[in-house]
Protein backbone atom coordinates (compact mmCIF):
# COMPACT_ATOMS: atom_id res chain seq x y z
CA MET A 1 9.05 -12.00 21.32
CA LYS A 2 6.65 -13.46 18.62
CA LEU A 3 8.36 -13.53 15.43
CA ALA A 4 6.97 -15.12 11.84
CA ASP A 5 8.26 -15.02 8.29
CA ASN A 6 5.62 -16.10 5.38
CA PHE A 7 4.14 -15.48 2.80
CA LEU A 8 1.03 -13.05 3.46
CA SER A 9 -1.98 -13.35 1.01
CA ASN A 10 -5.45 -11.84 2.12
CA THR A 11 -7.77 -9.58 0.12
CA LYS A 12 -10.73 -10.51 2.35
CA GLY A 13 -13.05 -7.97 2.21
CA LEU A 14 -12.20 -6.45 -1.12
CA ASP A 15 -14.25 -6.97 -3.96
CA TYR A 16 -11.69 -8.20 -6.00
CA GLU A 17 -10.32 -11.23 -7.73
CA PHE A 18 -6.57 -12.68 -8.46
CA ILE A 19 -7.86 -14.93 -11.56
CA ASP A 20 -4.94 -16.24 -13.14
CA ALA A 21 -1.13 -15.28 -14.27
CA GLY A 22 1.00 -16.43 -16.68
CA GLU A 23 3.79 -15.15 -19.38
CA GLY A 24 4.56 -12.11 -17.82
CA ARG A 25 0.72 -11.07 -17.23
CA LYS A 26 -1.71 -11.43 -14.63
CA LEU A 27 -5.53 -11.24 -14.48
CA GLU A 28 -7.38 -9.52 -12.15
CA ARG A 29 -11.15 -8.31 -11.39
CA PHE A 30 -11.66 -5.47 -9.86
CA GLY A 31 -15.28 -4.52 -9.16
CA LYS A 32 -17.28 -4.74 -12.48
CA TYR A 33 -14.19 -4.76 -14.61
CA ILE A 34 -11.50 -7.83 -15.29
CA LEU A 35 -8.04 -6.58 -15.85
CA ASP A 36 -5.12 -7.72 -17.88
CA ARG A 37 -2.10 -6.31 -16.66
CA PRO A 38 2.11 -6.81 -17.09
CA GLU A 39 3.75 -8.47 -14.20
CA ILE A 40 7.05 -9.59 -14.48
CA GLU A 41 6.65 -11.94 -11.91
CA ALA A 42 4.29 -13.71 -13.75
CA LYS A 43 5.63 -17.09 -14.86
CA GLY A 44 4.84 -20.26 -16.48
CA GLY A 45 1.46 -20.83 -18.27
CA LYS A 46 -1.78 -19.36 -18.46
CA ALA A 47 -5.13 -21.08 -17.46
CA PHE A 48 -8.58 -19.66 -17.45
CA LYS A 49 -8.06 -18.56 -21.20
CA ASP A 50 -11.77 -17.96 -21.98
CA ILE A 51 -11.40 -15.15 -18.86
CA TRP A 52 -8.28 -13.92 -20.77
CA GLU A 53 -10.31 -13.04 -23.86
CA LYS A 54 -12.97 -11.05 -21.92
CA ALA A 55 -10.93 -9.00 -19.96
CA ASP A 56 -12.20 -5.29 -20.35
CA HIS A 57 -9.22 -3.67 -19.90
CA TYR A 58 -5.52 -4.63 -20.88
CA PHE A 59 -2.62 -2.58 -20.78
CA TRP A 60 0.29 -3.08 -23.39
CA GLU A 61 3.64 -1.72 -23.14
CA GLU A 62 6.85 -1.34 -25.42
CA LYS A 63 10.15 -1.57 -24.22
CA GLY A 64 11.64 1.56 -23.64
CA LYS A 65 8.26 3.26 -24.24
CA LYS A 66 4.99 4.31 -22.40
CA GLY A 67 2.06 2.00 -22.52
CA ASP A 68 -1.46 2.50 -22.96
CA TRP A 69 -4.89 0.95 -22.14
CA LYS A 70 -7.12 -0.86 -24.53
CA SER A 71 -10.36 -0.87 -23.56
CA ASN A 72 -13.28 -3.60 -24.95
CA GLY A 73 -16.89 -2.89 -25.27
CA ASN A 74 -18.12 0.06 -22.77
CA ALA A 75 -15.88 -0.39 -20.14
CA ALA A 76 -15.31 3.03 -18.39
CA SER A 77 -11.61 4.31 -17.31
CA THR A 78 -13.05 5.02 -13.92
CA TRP A 79 -15.30 2.97 -11.47
CA GLU A 80 -15.88 2.47 -7.69
CA ILE A 81 -14.64 -0.43 -5.57
CA GLU A 82 -16.02 -1.68 -2.73
CA TYR A 83 -14.23 -2.92 0.69
CA SER A 84 -16.15 -3.99 3.51
CA ALA A 85 -15.06 -4.95 6.93
CA LYS A 86 -16.80 -5.70 10.33
CA GLY A 87 -19.86 -4.39 9.19
CA GLU A 88 -18.45 -1.42 7.75
CA ASP A 89 -18.29 -0.77 3.77
CA LEU A 90 -15.74 1.85 2.20
CA TYR A 91 -15.46 2.83 -1.15
CA PHE A 92 -12.28 3.90 -2.94
CA LYS A 93 -12.72 5.33 -6.84
CA LEU A 94 -10.49 3.28 -9.50
CA GLU A 95 -9.18 5.44 -12.45
CA LEU A 96 -6.40 3.67 -15.32
CA SER A 97 -3.47 5.22 -15.02
CA LYS A 98 -0.84 5.34 -17.29
CA PHE A 99 1.81 3.37 -15.49
CA LYS A 100 -0.71 0.21 -15.30
CA HIS A 101 -2.19 1.29 -11.94
CA VAL A 102 -5.82 1.84 -10.44
CA GLY A 103 -5.53 2.99 -7.60
CA LEU A 104 -5.47 0.59 -5.28
CA PHE A 105 -2.75 -2.31 -4.27
CA PRO A 106 -5.23 -5.18 -3.42
CA GLU A 107 -2.53 -6.71 -1.37
CA GLN A 108 -2.51 -3.96 1.47
CA VAL A 109 -5.94 -5.62 2.44
CA ALA A 110 -3.80 -7.40 4.84
CA ASN A 111 -2.33 -4.15 6.32
CA TRP A 112 -5.48 -2.37 6.63
CA GLN A 113 -6.97 -5.31 8.64
CA PHE A 114 -3.97 -5.29 10.70
CA ILE A 115 -4.48 -1.12 11.32
CA SER A 116 -7.90 -1.96 12.25
CA LYS A 117 -7.25 -4.12 14.67
CA LYS A 118 -4.80 -1.99 16.10
CA PHE A 119 -7.04 1.20 16.21
CA ASP A 120 -10.00 -0.94 17.83
CA VAL A 121 -7.68 -2.09 20.74
CA LEU A 122 -6.52 1.92 21.20
CA SER A 123 -10.56 3.16 20.77
CA GLY A 124 -8.37 6.68 19.18
CA GLY A 125 -4.67 7.69 18.78
CA ARG A 126 -2.65 9.00 15.76
CA PHE A 127 -1.86 7.45 12.76
CA LEU A 128 0.86 8.40 9.90
CA ASN A 129 0.81 7.54 6.49
CA LEU A 130 4.28 8.58 4.28
CA PHE A 131 4.18 7.43 0.36
CA ALA A 132 0.31 7.45 0.90
CA TYR A 133 -0.51 7.13 -2.90
CA THR A 134 -3.89 7.14 -2.76
CA SER A 135 -4.12 7.00 1.06
CA ALA A 136 -6.60 3.83 1.01
CA ALA A 137 -4.80 3.28 4.48
CA SER A 138 -5.73 6.26 5.83
CA ILE A 139 -8.82 5.91 5.07
CA VAL A 140 -9.44 3.08 6.94
CA ALA A 141 -7.37 4.23 10.12
CA ALA A 142 -9.94 7.19 10.45
CA LYS A 143 -12.99 5.37 9.69
CA HIS A 144 -11.66 3.41 13.40
CA GLY A 145 -11.12 6.48 15.17
CA ALA A 146 -7.36 7.53 14.71
CA GLU A 147 -6.26 11.33 13.80
CA VAL A 148 -4.43 11.29 11.03
CA VAL A 149 -1.77 12.72 9.06
CA ASN A 150 -1.88 11.83 5.18
CA VAL A 151 1.72 12.44 3.71
CA GLU A 152 2.39 12.42 -0.22
CA ALA A 153 4.09 14.23 -2.71
CA LEU A 154 2.45 14.54 -5.80
CA LYS A 155 -0.41 16.76 -5.51
CA GLN A 156 -2.64 14.68 -8.12
CA LEU A 157 -2.95 11.50 -5.87
CA SER A 158 -3.48 13.77 -2.80
CA ASN A 159 -6.84 15.10 -4.53
CA TRP A 160 -7.26 11.64 -5.48
CA SER A 161 -7.50 10.42 -1.89
CA ARG A 162 -9.45 13.19 -0.79
CA GLU A 163 -12.00 12.52 -3.38
CA ASN A 164 -11.85 9.14 -1.84
CA ALA A 165 -12.22 10.20 2.07
CA GLU A 166 -15.35 12.03 0.91
CA ARG A 167 -16.95 9.43 -1.07
CA ASN A 168 -16.74 7.81 2.85
CA GLY A 169 -17.68 10.33 4.92
CA ILE A 170 -14.19 10.87 6.39
CA ASP A 171 -13.10 14.21 7.90
CA ASN A 172 -10.77 13.59 10.50
CA ILE A 173 -7.69 13.39 8.17
CA ARG A 174 -4.85 16.28 7.17
CA TRP A 175 -3.56 16.18 4.16
CA LEU A 176 -0.16 17.49 3.29
CA VAL A 177 1.18 17.59 0.24
CA GLU A 178 4.90 17.36 0.79
CA ASP A 179 7.86 15.03 1.15
CA ALA A 180 8.14 12.79 3.54
CA ARG A 181 11.53 13.34 4.55
CA ALA A 182 10.64 16.83 5.19
CA TYR A 183 7.67 16.41 7.09
CA VAL A 184 9.12 13.32 9.52
CA ASN A 185 12.37 15.88 10.25
CA ARG A 186 9.56 19.02 11.41
CA ALA A 187 7.80 16.55 13.43
CA VAL A 188 10.72 15.04 15.26
CA ARG A 189 11.97 18.76 16.22
CA ARG A 190 8.14 19.06 17.80
CA ALA A 191 8.41 16.21 19.34
CA GLU A 192 5.26 14.49 17.42
CA LYS A 193 4.34 11.11 18.62
CA PHE A 194 2.18 9.04 17.00
CA ASN A 195 0.50 5.10 17.57
CA GLY A 196 0.92 3.75 14.15
CA ILE A 197 2.95 4.57 11.49
CA ILE A 198 2.99 2.84 7.67
CA LEU A 199 5.45 3.75 4.92
CA ASP A 200 5.55 2.02 1.42
CA PRO A 201 9.00 4.24 0.10
CA PRO A 202 9.69 3.82 -3.72
CA ALA A 203 12.54 3.04 -5.22
CA PHE A 204 12.98 5.97 -6.75
CA GLY A 205 11.52 9.63 -6.85
CA HIS A 206 11.35 12.88 -6.66
CA GLY A 207 9.67 15.51 -3.57
CA SER A 208 7.18 17.96 -3.49
CA LYS A 209 10.29 20.28 -4.30
CA GLY A 210 11.97 18.25 -6.58
CA LYS A 211 14.31 16.52 -4.11
CA ARG A 212 15.28 13.22 -5.21
CA TRP A 213 15.02 10.02 -3.16
CA ILE A 214 16.90 6.48 -3.38
CA ILE A 215 15.63 3.56 -1.47
CA GLU A 216 19.05 2.32 -0.85
CA ARG A 217 20.35 5.47 -0.05
CA ASP A 218 17.80 7.51 2.09
CA LEU A 219 15.96 4.78 3.84
CA GLU A 220 18.31 3.89 6.89
CA LEU A 221 18.53 7.53 7.81
CA LEU A 222 14.25 8.60 7.28
CA LEU A 223 13.52 4.94 9.64
CA GLU A 224 15.72 6.13 12.38
CA SER A 225 13.49 9.39 12.70
CA VAL A 226 10.46 7.55 11.82
CA PHE A 227 11.11 5.43 15.35
CA LYS A 228 11.44 8.58 17.22
CA LEU A 229 7.99 9.28 16.05
CA LEU A 230 6.17 6.19 18.06
CA ASP A 231 4.93 6.62 21.14
CA ASP A 232 6.65 4.99 24.00
CA ASP A 233 3.88 3.03 25.46
CA ARG A 234 1.51 1.85 22.35
CA SER A 235 2.76 1.57 19.03
CA PHE A 236 3.10 -0.29 15.74
CA LEU A 237 5.46 0.38 13.02
CA ILE A 238 4.61 -1.17 9.29
CA ILE A 239 7.15 -1.15 6.31
CA ASN A 240 6.64 -2.48 3.17
CA THR A 241 8.61 -2.22 -0.41
CA TYR A 242 8.47 -3.49 -3.60
CA SER A 243 11.82 -2.46 -4.59
CA PRO A 244 14.53 -5.38 -5.50
CA LYS A 245 17.49 -3.21 -4.59
CA MET A 246 16.07 -2.81 -0.51
CA PRO A 247 16.32 -7.25 0.03
CA LYS A 248 14.70 -8.39 3.32
CA SER A 249 17.54 -8.99 5.10
CA GLU A 250 18.79 -5.21 4.70
CA LEU A 251 15.24 -4.26 6.16
CA VAL A 252 15.28 -6.47 8.93
CA ALA A 253 18.98 -5.32 9.89
CA LEU A 254 17.54 -1.57 9.86
CA MET A 255 14.51 -2.75 11.71
CA LYS A 256 16.61 -4.72 14.12
CA ARG A 257 18.88 -1.60 15.09
CA PHE A 258 16.14 1.28 15.30
CA GLY A 259 12.96 -1.19 16.77
CA ASN A 260 14.59 -3.47 19.08
CA LYS A 261 12.12 -1.98 21.89
CA MET A 262 9.03 -4.05 19.96
CA THR A 263 7.98 -6.65 21.18
CA GLU A 264 5.78 -8.47 18.50
CA LYS A 265 7.83 -8.29 15.10
CA GLU A 266 6.77 -10.18 11.75
CA HIS A 267 8.36 -10.55 8.20
CA HIS A 268 6.80 -11.30 5.84
CA ILE A 269 6.24 -11.95 1.77
CA LEU A 270 3.55 -9.59 0.50
CA GLY A 271 1.82 -10.92 -2.54
CA LEU A 272 -1.27 -12.90 -3.91
CA GLU A 273 -2.57 -16.06 -4.42
CA SER A 274 -4.49 -16.31 -7.41
CA LYS A 275 -7.71 -18.47 -8.57
CA SER A 276 -5.64 -21.18 -10.69
CA GLU A 277 -3.48 -21.54 -7.12
CA LYS A 278 -0.43 -19.51 -8.71
CA GLN A 279 1.64 -17.26 -5.61
CA LEU A 280 3.14 -13.58 -6.97
CA GLU A 281 5.86 -12.43 -4.48
CA LEU A 282 5.15 -8.48 -4.22
CA GLY A 283 6.97 -7.50 -1.78
CA ASN A 284 8.55 -7.51 1.59
CA LEU A 285 6.58 -6.78 4.70
CA LEU A 286 7.52 -5.89 8.26
CA ARG A 287 5.17 -5.15 11.13
CA TYR A 288 6.46 -4.00 14.59
CA SER A 289 4.52 -3.62 17.77
CA ASN A 290 4.66 -2.93 21.03
CA PHE A 291 1.24 -4.02 21.74
């Protein structure tokens, strides 16, 4: 059994740069634009003052109030970013959202690379993406030959995902606007099997029919069912959480309970390392595989 436990930061291939962080904010370049956004984990002072002052988009928020973006010059509110790996180019639409996000989490590149390698070995197979957001992982898996089921409870995000798939000529994804638990329960009843599953559950939220999700209450039962969907011979599972209410020790305990047949196990702190040599710890990442 292989076991690793460390800080993992890898954005290779994405037209992105984590420039600096400090005083509760982070400075990043997504493609052609530089963004200045709040980040609770950004401690200490700032470097590169001249670059901070040149940010194209700045997100401000007041405690207890909704935030908003302020833009400099003619910077557009929607644009495109490129991801290039192994001679393949993928393009994703970015957009300023009211929750300070833009449609892509750059630290997830580390998982895209893992998924690519696994499906290159499989030369096909099935992939399930739960809590899919804008579905970059689904598009990467599909690009590497997987038959993909993409589950996202919000129709707006699912539509955004479809647009990204279309711009990349991807047509081997089944799009479901549905609560992740509802789909998994149905898939278990049908005895469906997948070679790869990724889930990135929020701390709390509501499903497509308003069913409430609370990670510390609901994750254990969901994981128990998810493991039933994994192919017995060759499969992998990726789970990462950004919620402080689900510490890594609890995640490891859950995975140990349900995933004891997996032969390769990785435990990481998922994050980003800046040009100014600062590290942001953004979440817990566990990856289990039997091939």
